[in-house]
Amino acid sequence: METLFTNKRFIRVATVFIALLSLLALSAIFGSMRGMGRGEFKDNQNVITITGHGEVKAIPDIATFSLTIRGEAKTVKEADAKVAVIEKKVLDFLKTNNVSDKDIKTESVSFNPKYESKNIMPCTQFGCPTSNPVITGYESYENITVKVRNTDDAGTIKQGLGAMGVENLYGPNFAIDDEDTLKADARKQAIVDAKEKAKVLSRDLGVRLGKITSFNESGNYPMPMMYAKTMDSVAGAVSAPAELPKGENTISSDVTISYEIR
């Protein structure tokens, strides 16, 4: 009798426990349904994603050059002095051609020792024994960038710089000085394009647009052409400066916008 009573008691406890679990499960389900009615489950909402494109064209209004001045001598001081002589010629030339001081910038200054190894014994079939390298002199370098605001003078300045003994002359690099404004204009066009496409698509699908859930932008910003120093300019030729076409730069923006749909 005692065993039977115990079994009945266990069944009653188990039944009550199962009933409580059922109530908790139902409460969770109803809570979820209420949450869905308030739009809280963002990850499960339907969205549409639209891309838009915008672009602005402009004629470059600046030309930039980069150049290196190098001096070589027995000591660093003498090498620096040689660099200073060429630098003064470059600065005087640029000022004569109406390039402002604020548009001439020294990017870096450096020097390197020059080493040489000498044969300490006659060469044999196994090679030429040499001594430890010794410093025989120094090379001094100064790297300068120049911004020319009158792009029509780019050819003249390129030729003049090349005739002054500078090295690694690159340019002109035609660009737009206030490019950020044009980027913003291209972005606005791309956003308008995406919004118009979204309106048309929502109408065709028979849905209403909700709020924006994501936005992304990518741009295409052109790399202007660069001209290296020619052999004629190295030799200091006095031929007429070449005409350098500036062309037209295109700044574009591509946006991707996702909308909730209802």
Protein backbone atom coordinates (compact mmCIF):
# COMPACT_ATOMS: atom_id res chain seq x y z
CA MET A 1 0.00 0.00 0.00
CA GLU A 2 2.82 2.36 0.85
CA THR A 3 4.44 1.78 -2.56
CA LEU A 4 1.20 2.50 -4.39
CA PHE A 5 0.74 5.73 -2.42
CA THR A 6 4.26 6.80 -3.28
CA ASN A 7 3.72 6.16 -7.00
CA LYS A 8 0.49 8.19 -7.03
CA ARG A 9 2.23 11.06 -5.28
CA PHE A 10 5.06 11.00 -7.86
CA ILE A 11 2.56 11.06 -10.73
CA ARG A 12 0.78 14.11 -9.24
CA VAL A 13 4.08 16.00 -8.84
CA ALA A 14 5.15 15.13 -12.37
CA THR A 15 1.78 16.27 -13.75
CA VAL A 16 2.05 19.63 -11.99
CA PHE A 17 5.63 20.06 -13.24
CA ILE A 18 4.65 19.34 -16.86
CA ALA A 19 1.74 21.78 -16.59
CA LEU A 20 4.08 24.54 -15.39
CA LEU A 21 6.47 23.91 -18.29
CA SER A 22 3.56 24.12 -20.73
CA LEU A 23 2.47 27.47 -19.29
CA LEU A 24 6.01 28.86 -19.57
CA ALA A 25 6.25 27.72 -23.20
CA LEU A 26 2.90 29.33 -24.09
CA SER A 27 3.96 32.56 -22.38
CA ALA A 28 7.15 32.65 -24.44
CA ILE A 29 5.23 32.06 -27.68
CA PHE A 30 2.73 34.87 -26.97
CA GLY A 31 5.60 37.17 -26.01
CA SER A 32 7.31 36.46 -29.31
CA MET A 33 4.14 37.20 -31.25
CA ARG A 34 3.76 40.54 -29.44
CA GLY A 35 7.41 41.36 -30.19
CA MET A 36 6.86 40.64 -33.88
CA GLY A 37 3.91 43.02 -33.87
CA ARG A 38 6.21 45.77 -32.58
CA GLY A 39 8.85 45.02 -35.27
CA GLU A 40 11.57 44.00 -32.85
CA PHE A 41 12.93 41.09 -34.89
CA LYS A 42 15.07 43.17 -37.26
CA ASP A 43 17.07 40.22 -38.55
CA ASN A 44 13.94 38.58 -39.95
CA GLN A 45 12.50 41.67 -41.64
CA ASN A 46 12.35 41.85 -45.44
CA VAL A 47 14.53 44.41 -47.18
CA ILE A 48 15.36 45.52 -50.69
CA THR A 49 18.82 46.72 -51.68
CA ILE A 50 19.36 49.36 -54.36
CA THR A 51 22.52 50.76 -55.96
CA GLY A 52 22.92 54.30 -57.25
CA HIS A 53 25.57 55.99 -59.37
CA GLY A 54 26.65 59.62 -59.64
CA GLU A 55 29.56 61.37 -61.32
CA VAL A 56 31.02 64.84 -61.78
CA LYS A 57 33.44 65.93 -64.51
CA ALA A 58 35.95 68.74 -64.06
CA ILE A 59 39.05 70.10 -65.76
CA PRO A 60 42.18 69.81 -63.54
CA ASP A 61 43.20 73.13 -62.02
CA ILE A 62 46.59 72.24 -60.50
CA ALA A 63 49.71 70.42 -61.67
CA THR A 64 52.12 68.80 -59.20
CA PHE A 65 55.75 67.78 -59.61
CA SER A 66 58.09 65.76 -57.42
CA LEU A 67 61.87 65.88 -57.77
CA THR A 68 65.08 64.82 -56.07
CA ILE A 69 68.25 66.87 -55.65
CA ARG A 70 71.40 64.82 -55.09
CA GLY A 71 74.90 65.88 -54.07
CA GLU A 72 77.99 63.68 -53.78
CA ALA A 73 81.25 64.52 -51.97
CA LYS A 74 83.86 63.24 -49.52
CA THR A 75 81.95 64.54 -46.48
CA VAL A 76 78.30 65.00 -45.60
CA LYS A 77 78.82 68.75 -45.24
CA GLU A 78 80.26 69.04 -48.75
CA ALA A 79 77.47 66.88 -50.19
CA ASP A 80 74.84 69.04 -48.46
CA ALA A 81 76.50 72.16 -49.88
CA LYS A 82 76.17 70.81 -53.42
CA VAL A 83 72.49 70.09 -52.79
CA ALA A 84 72.01 73.63 -51.48
CA VAL A 85 73.46 75.14 -54.67
CA ILE A 86 71.01 73.25 -56.90
CA GLU A 87 68.15 73.90 -54.48
CA LYS A 88 68.67 77.67 -54.69
CA LYS A 89 68.57 77.54 -58.49
CA VAL A 90 65.32 75.52 -58.33
CA LEU A 91 63.67 77.89 -55.85
CA ASP A 92 64.70 81.00 -57.79
CA PHE A 93 63.36 79.49 -61.00
CA LEU A 94 60.03 78.56 -59.40
CA LYS A 95 59.56 82.01 -57.88
CA THR A 96 60.33 83.59 -61.25
CA ASN A 97 57.47 81.48 -62.64
CA ASN A 98 55.04 82.68 -59.97
CA VAL A 99 55.05 79.54 -57.82
CA SER A 100 54.25 80.53 -54.24
CA ASP A 101 56.43 79.50 -51.30
CA LYS A 102 53.47 77.67 -49.72
CA ASP A 103 53.30 75.41 -52.78
CA ILE A 104 56.94 74.28 -52.48
CA LYS A 105 57.48 71.60 -49.85
CA THR A 106 60.52 69.59 -48.74
CA GLU A 107 59.25 66.05 -48.19
CA SER A 108 62.47 64.47 -46.89
CA VAL A 109 66.21 64.99 -46.45
CA SER A 110 68.71 62.15 -46.14
CA PHE A 111 72.28 61.05 -46.80
CA ASN A 112 73.97 57.71 -47.49
CA PRO A 113 77.60 56.69 -47.16
CA LYS A 114 79.35 55.28 -50.21
CA TYR A 115 81.39 52.11 -49.68
CA GLU A 116 84.22 50.56 -51.66
CA SER A 117 86.05 47.25 -51.28
CA LYS A 118 89.63 46.78 -52.59
CA ASN A 119 91.42 43.64 -53.64
CA ILE A 120 94.01 42.76 -50.99
CA MET A 121 95.55 39.87 -52.97
CA PRO A 122 95.78 38.91 -56.64
CA CYS A 123 92.74 37.13 -58.03
CA THR A 124 92.90 33.34 -58.37
CA GLN A 125 90.69 30.69 -59.88
CA PHE A 126 88.75 30.70 -56.61
CA GLY A 127 87.97 34.42 -56.71
CA CYS A 128 89.37 37.80 -55.69
CA PRO A 129 89.96 38.29 -51.95
CA THR A 130 88.78 41.75 -50.84
CA SER A 131 89.13 43.88 -47.74
CA ASN A 132 86.25 45.03 -45.57
CA PRO A 133 84.27 47.84 -47.25
CA VAL A 134 85.43 51.34 -46.38
CA ILE A 135 83.54 54.63 -46.67
CA THR A 136 84.80 56.66 -49.61
CA GLY A 137 82.25 59.48 -49.60
CA TYR A 138 78.62 60.49 -49.04
CA GLU A 139 75.49 61.16 -51.09
CA SER A 140 73.01 63.73 -49.83
CA TYR A 141 69.38 63.83 -51.00
CA GLU A 142 66.49 66.27 -50.78
CA ASN A 143 63.02 65.36 -52.09
CA ILE A 144 60.72 68.26 -53.00
CA THR A 145 57.12 68.50 -54.21
CA VAL A 146 55.84 71.50 -56.16
CA LYS A 147 52.25 72.57 -56.80
CA VAL A 148 51.67 74.72 -59.88
CA ARG A 149 48.35 76.55 -59.88
CA ASN A 150 48.61 77.90 -63.42
CA THR A 151 48.46 74.61 -65.32
CA ASP A 152 49.37 76.35 -68.58
CA ASP A 153 52.88 76.82 -67.15
CA ALA A 154 53.38 73.10 -66.51
CA GLY A 155 55.39 72.49 -69.69
CA THR A 156 57.71 75.43 -69.06
CA ILE A 157 58.33 74.43 -65.46
CA LYS A 158 58.96 70.80 -66.39
CA GLN A 159 61.58 71.83 -68.93
CA GLY A 160 63.22 74.34 -66.59
CA LEU A 161 63.51 71.89 -63.69
CA GLY A 162 64.93 69.21 -65.93
CA ALA A 163 67.73 71.54 -67.05
CA MET A 164 68.93 72.24 -63.50
CA GLY A 165 70.47 68.89 -62.67
CA VAL A 166 67.63 67.51 -60.57
CA GLU A 167 66.97 63.78 -60.51
CA ASN A 168 63.81 61.66 -60.47
CA LEU A 169 61.62 64.41 -61.84
CA TYR A 170 58.01 63.24 -62.02
CA GLY A 171 55.12 65.30 -63.31
CA PRO A 172 53.08 67.10 -64.10
CA ASN A 173 50.38 65.24 -62.23
CA PHE A 174 47.16 67.04 -63.18
CA ALA A 175 44.57 67.07 -60.41
CA ILE A 176 41.72 69.05 -58.88
CA ASP A 177 42.61 71.14 -55.85
CA ASP A 178 39.20 71.06 -54.11
CA GLU A 179 38.28 67.46 -54.89
CA ASP A 180 36.25 66.91 -51.71
CA THR A 181 33.50 69.24 -52.93
CA LEU A 182 33.19 67.29 -56.18
CA LYS A 183 33.14 63.99 -54.28
CA ALA A 184 30.24 65.27 -52.19
CA ASP A 185 28.35 66.33 -55.34
CA ALA A 186 28.86 62.89 -56.91
CA ARG A 187 27.64 61.21 -53.70
CA LYS A 188 24.46 63.32 -53.66
CA GLN A 189 23.73 62.32 -57.25
CA ALA A 190 24.26 58.65 -56.42
CA ILE A 191 21.88 58.83 -53.43
CA VAL A 192 19.17 60.52 -55.52
CA ASP A 193 19.63 57.85 -58.20
CA ALA A 194 19.25 55.05 -55.63
CA LYS A 195 16.14 56.64 -54.08
CA GLU A 196 14.42 56.99 -57.44
CA LYS A 197 15.17 53.37 -58.29
CA ALA A 198 13.83 52.27 -54.89
CA LYS A 199 10.54 54.14 -55.45
CA VAL A 200 10.03 52.52 -58.84
CA LEU A 201 10.86 49.04 -57.57
CA SER A 202 8.60 49.32 -54.51
CA ARG A 203 5.72 50.45 -56.72
CA ASP A 204 6.25 47.53 -59.09
CA LEU A 205 6.42 45.07 -56.19
CA GLY A 206 3.39 46.53 -54.46
CA VAL A 207 5.19 47.23 -51.19
CA ARG A 208 5.93 50.32 -49.11
CA LEU A 209 9.42 51.50 -48.24
CA GLY A 210 10.41 51.68 -44.59
CA LYS A 211 13.48 53.14 -42.99
CA ILE A 212 17.03 52.68 -44.32
CA THR A 213 18.80 49.73 -42.70
CA SER A 214 22.26 50.10 -44.28
CA PHE A 215 24.31 52.39 -46.48
CA ASN A 216 27.64 51.87 -48.24
CA GLU A 217 29.67 54.01 -50.65
CA SER A 218 32.54 53.35 -53.02
CA GLY A 219 34.17 55.83 -55.36
CA ASN A 220 36.28 55.99 -58.48
CA TYR A 221 38.83 58.76 -58.18
CA PRO A 222 41.10 59.02 -61.24
CA MET A 223 44.89 58.83 -61.14
CA PRO A 224 46.19 61.58 -63.44
CA MET A 225 49.00 60.84 -65.87
CA MET A 226 52.59 61.42 -64.77
CA TYR A 227 55.47 62.37 -67.04
CA ALA A 228 59.05 61.34 -66.34
CA LYS A 229 62.03 63.52 -67.17
CA THR A 230 63.18 63.16 -70.80
CA MET A 231 66.72 62.97 -72.14
CA ASP A 232 66.30 66.38 -73.77
CA SER A 233 65.52 67.99 -70.43
CA VAL A 234 68.48 66.26 -68.80
CA ALA A 235 70.77 67.73 -71.41
CA GLY A 236 69.30 71.18 -70.81
CA ALA A 237 67.88 71.53 -74.30
CA VAL A 238 66.34 74.91 -75.08
CA SER A 239 63.57 73.66 -77.34
CA ALA A 240 60.08 75.04 -76.80
CA PRO A 241 58.24 73.39 -73.90
CA ALA A 242 55.83 70.66 -74.88
CA GLU A 243 52.11 71.31 -74.65
CA LEU A 244 50.72 68.96 -72.02
CA PRO A 245 46.98 68.24 -72.41
CA LYS A 246 45.16 68.39 -69.06
CA GLY A 247 42.15 66.40 -70.19
CA GLU A 248 39.16 66.00 -67.90
CA ASN A 249 38.86 64.17 -64.60
CA THR A 250 35.75 62.16 -63.71
CA ILE A 251 34.93 61.73 -60.04
CA SER A 252 32.25 59.13 -59.40
CA SER A 253 30.41 57.68 -56.45
CA ASP A 254 28.49 54.40 -56.14
CA VAL A 255 26.18 53.87 -53.18
CA THR A 256 24.28 50.85 -51.94
CA ILE A 257 21.16 51.48 -49.81
CA SER A 258 18.97 48.86 -48.11
CA TYR A 259 15.33 49.68 -47.15
CA GLU A 260 12.84 47.86 -44.97
CA ILE A 261 9.73 46.93 -46.93
CA ARG A 262 6.21 46.69 -45.47
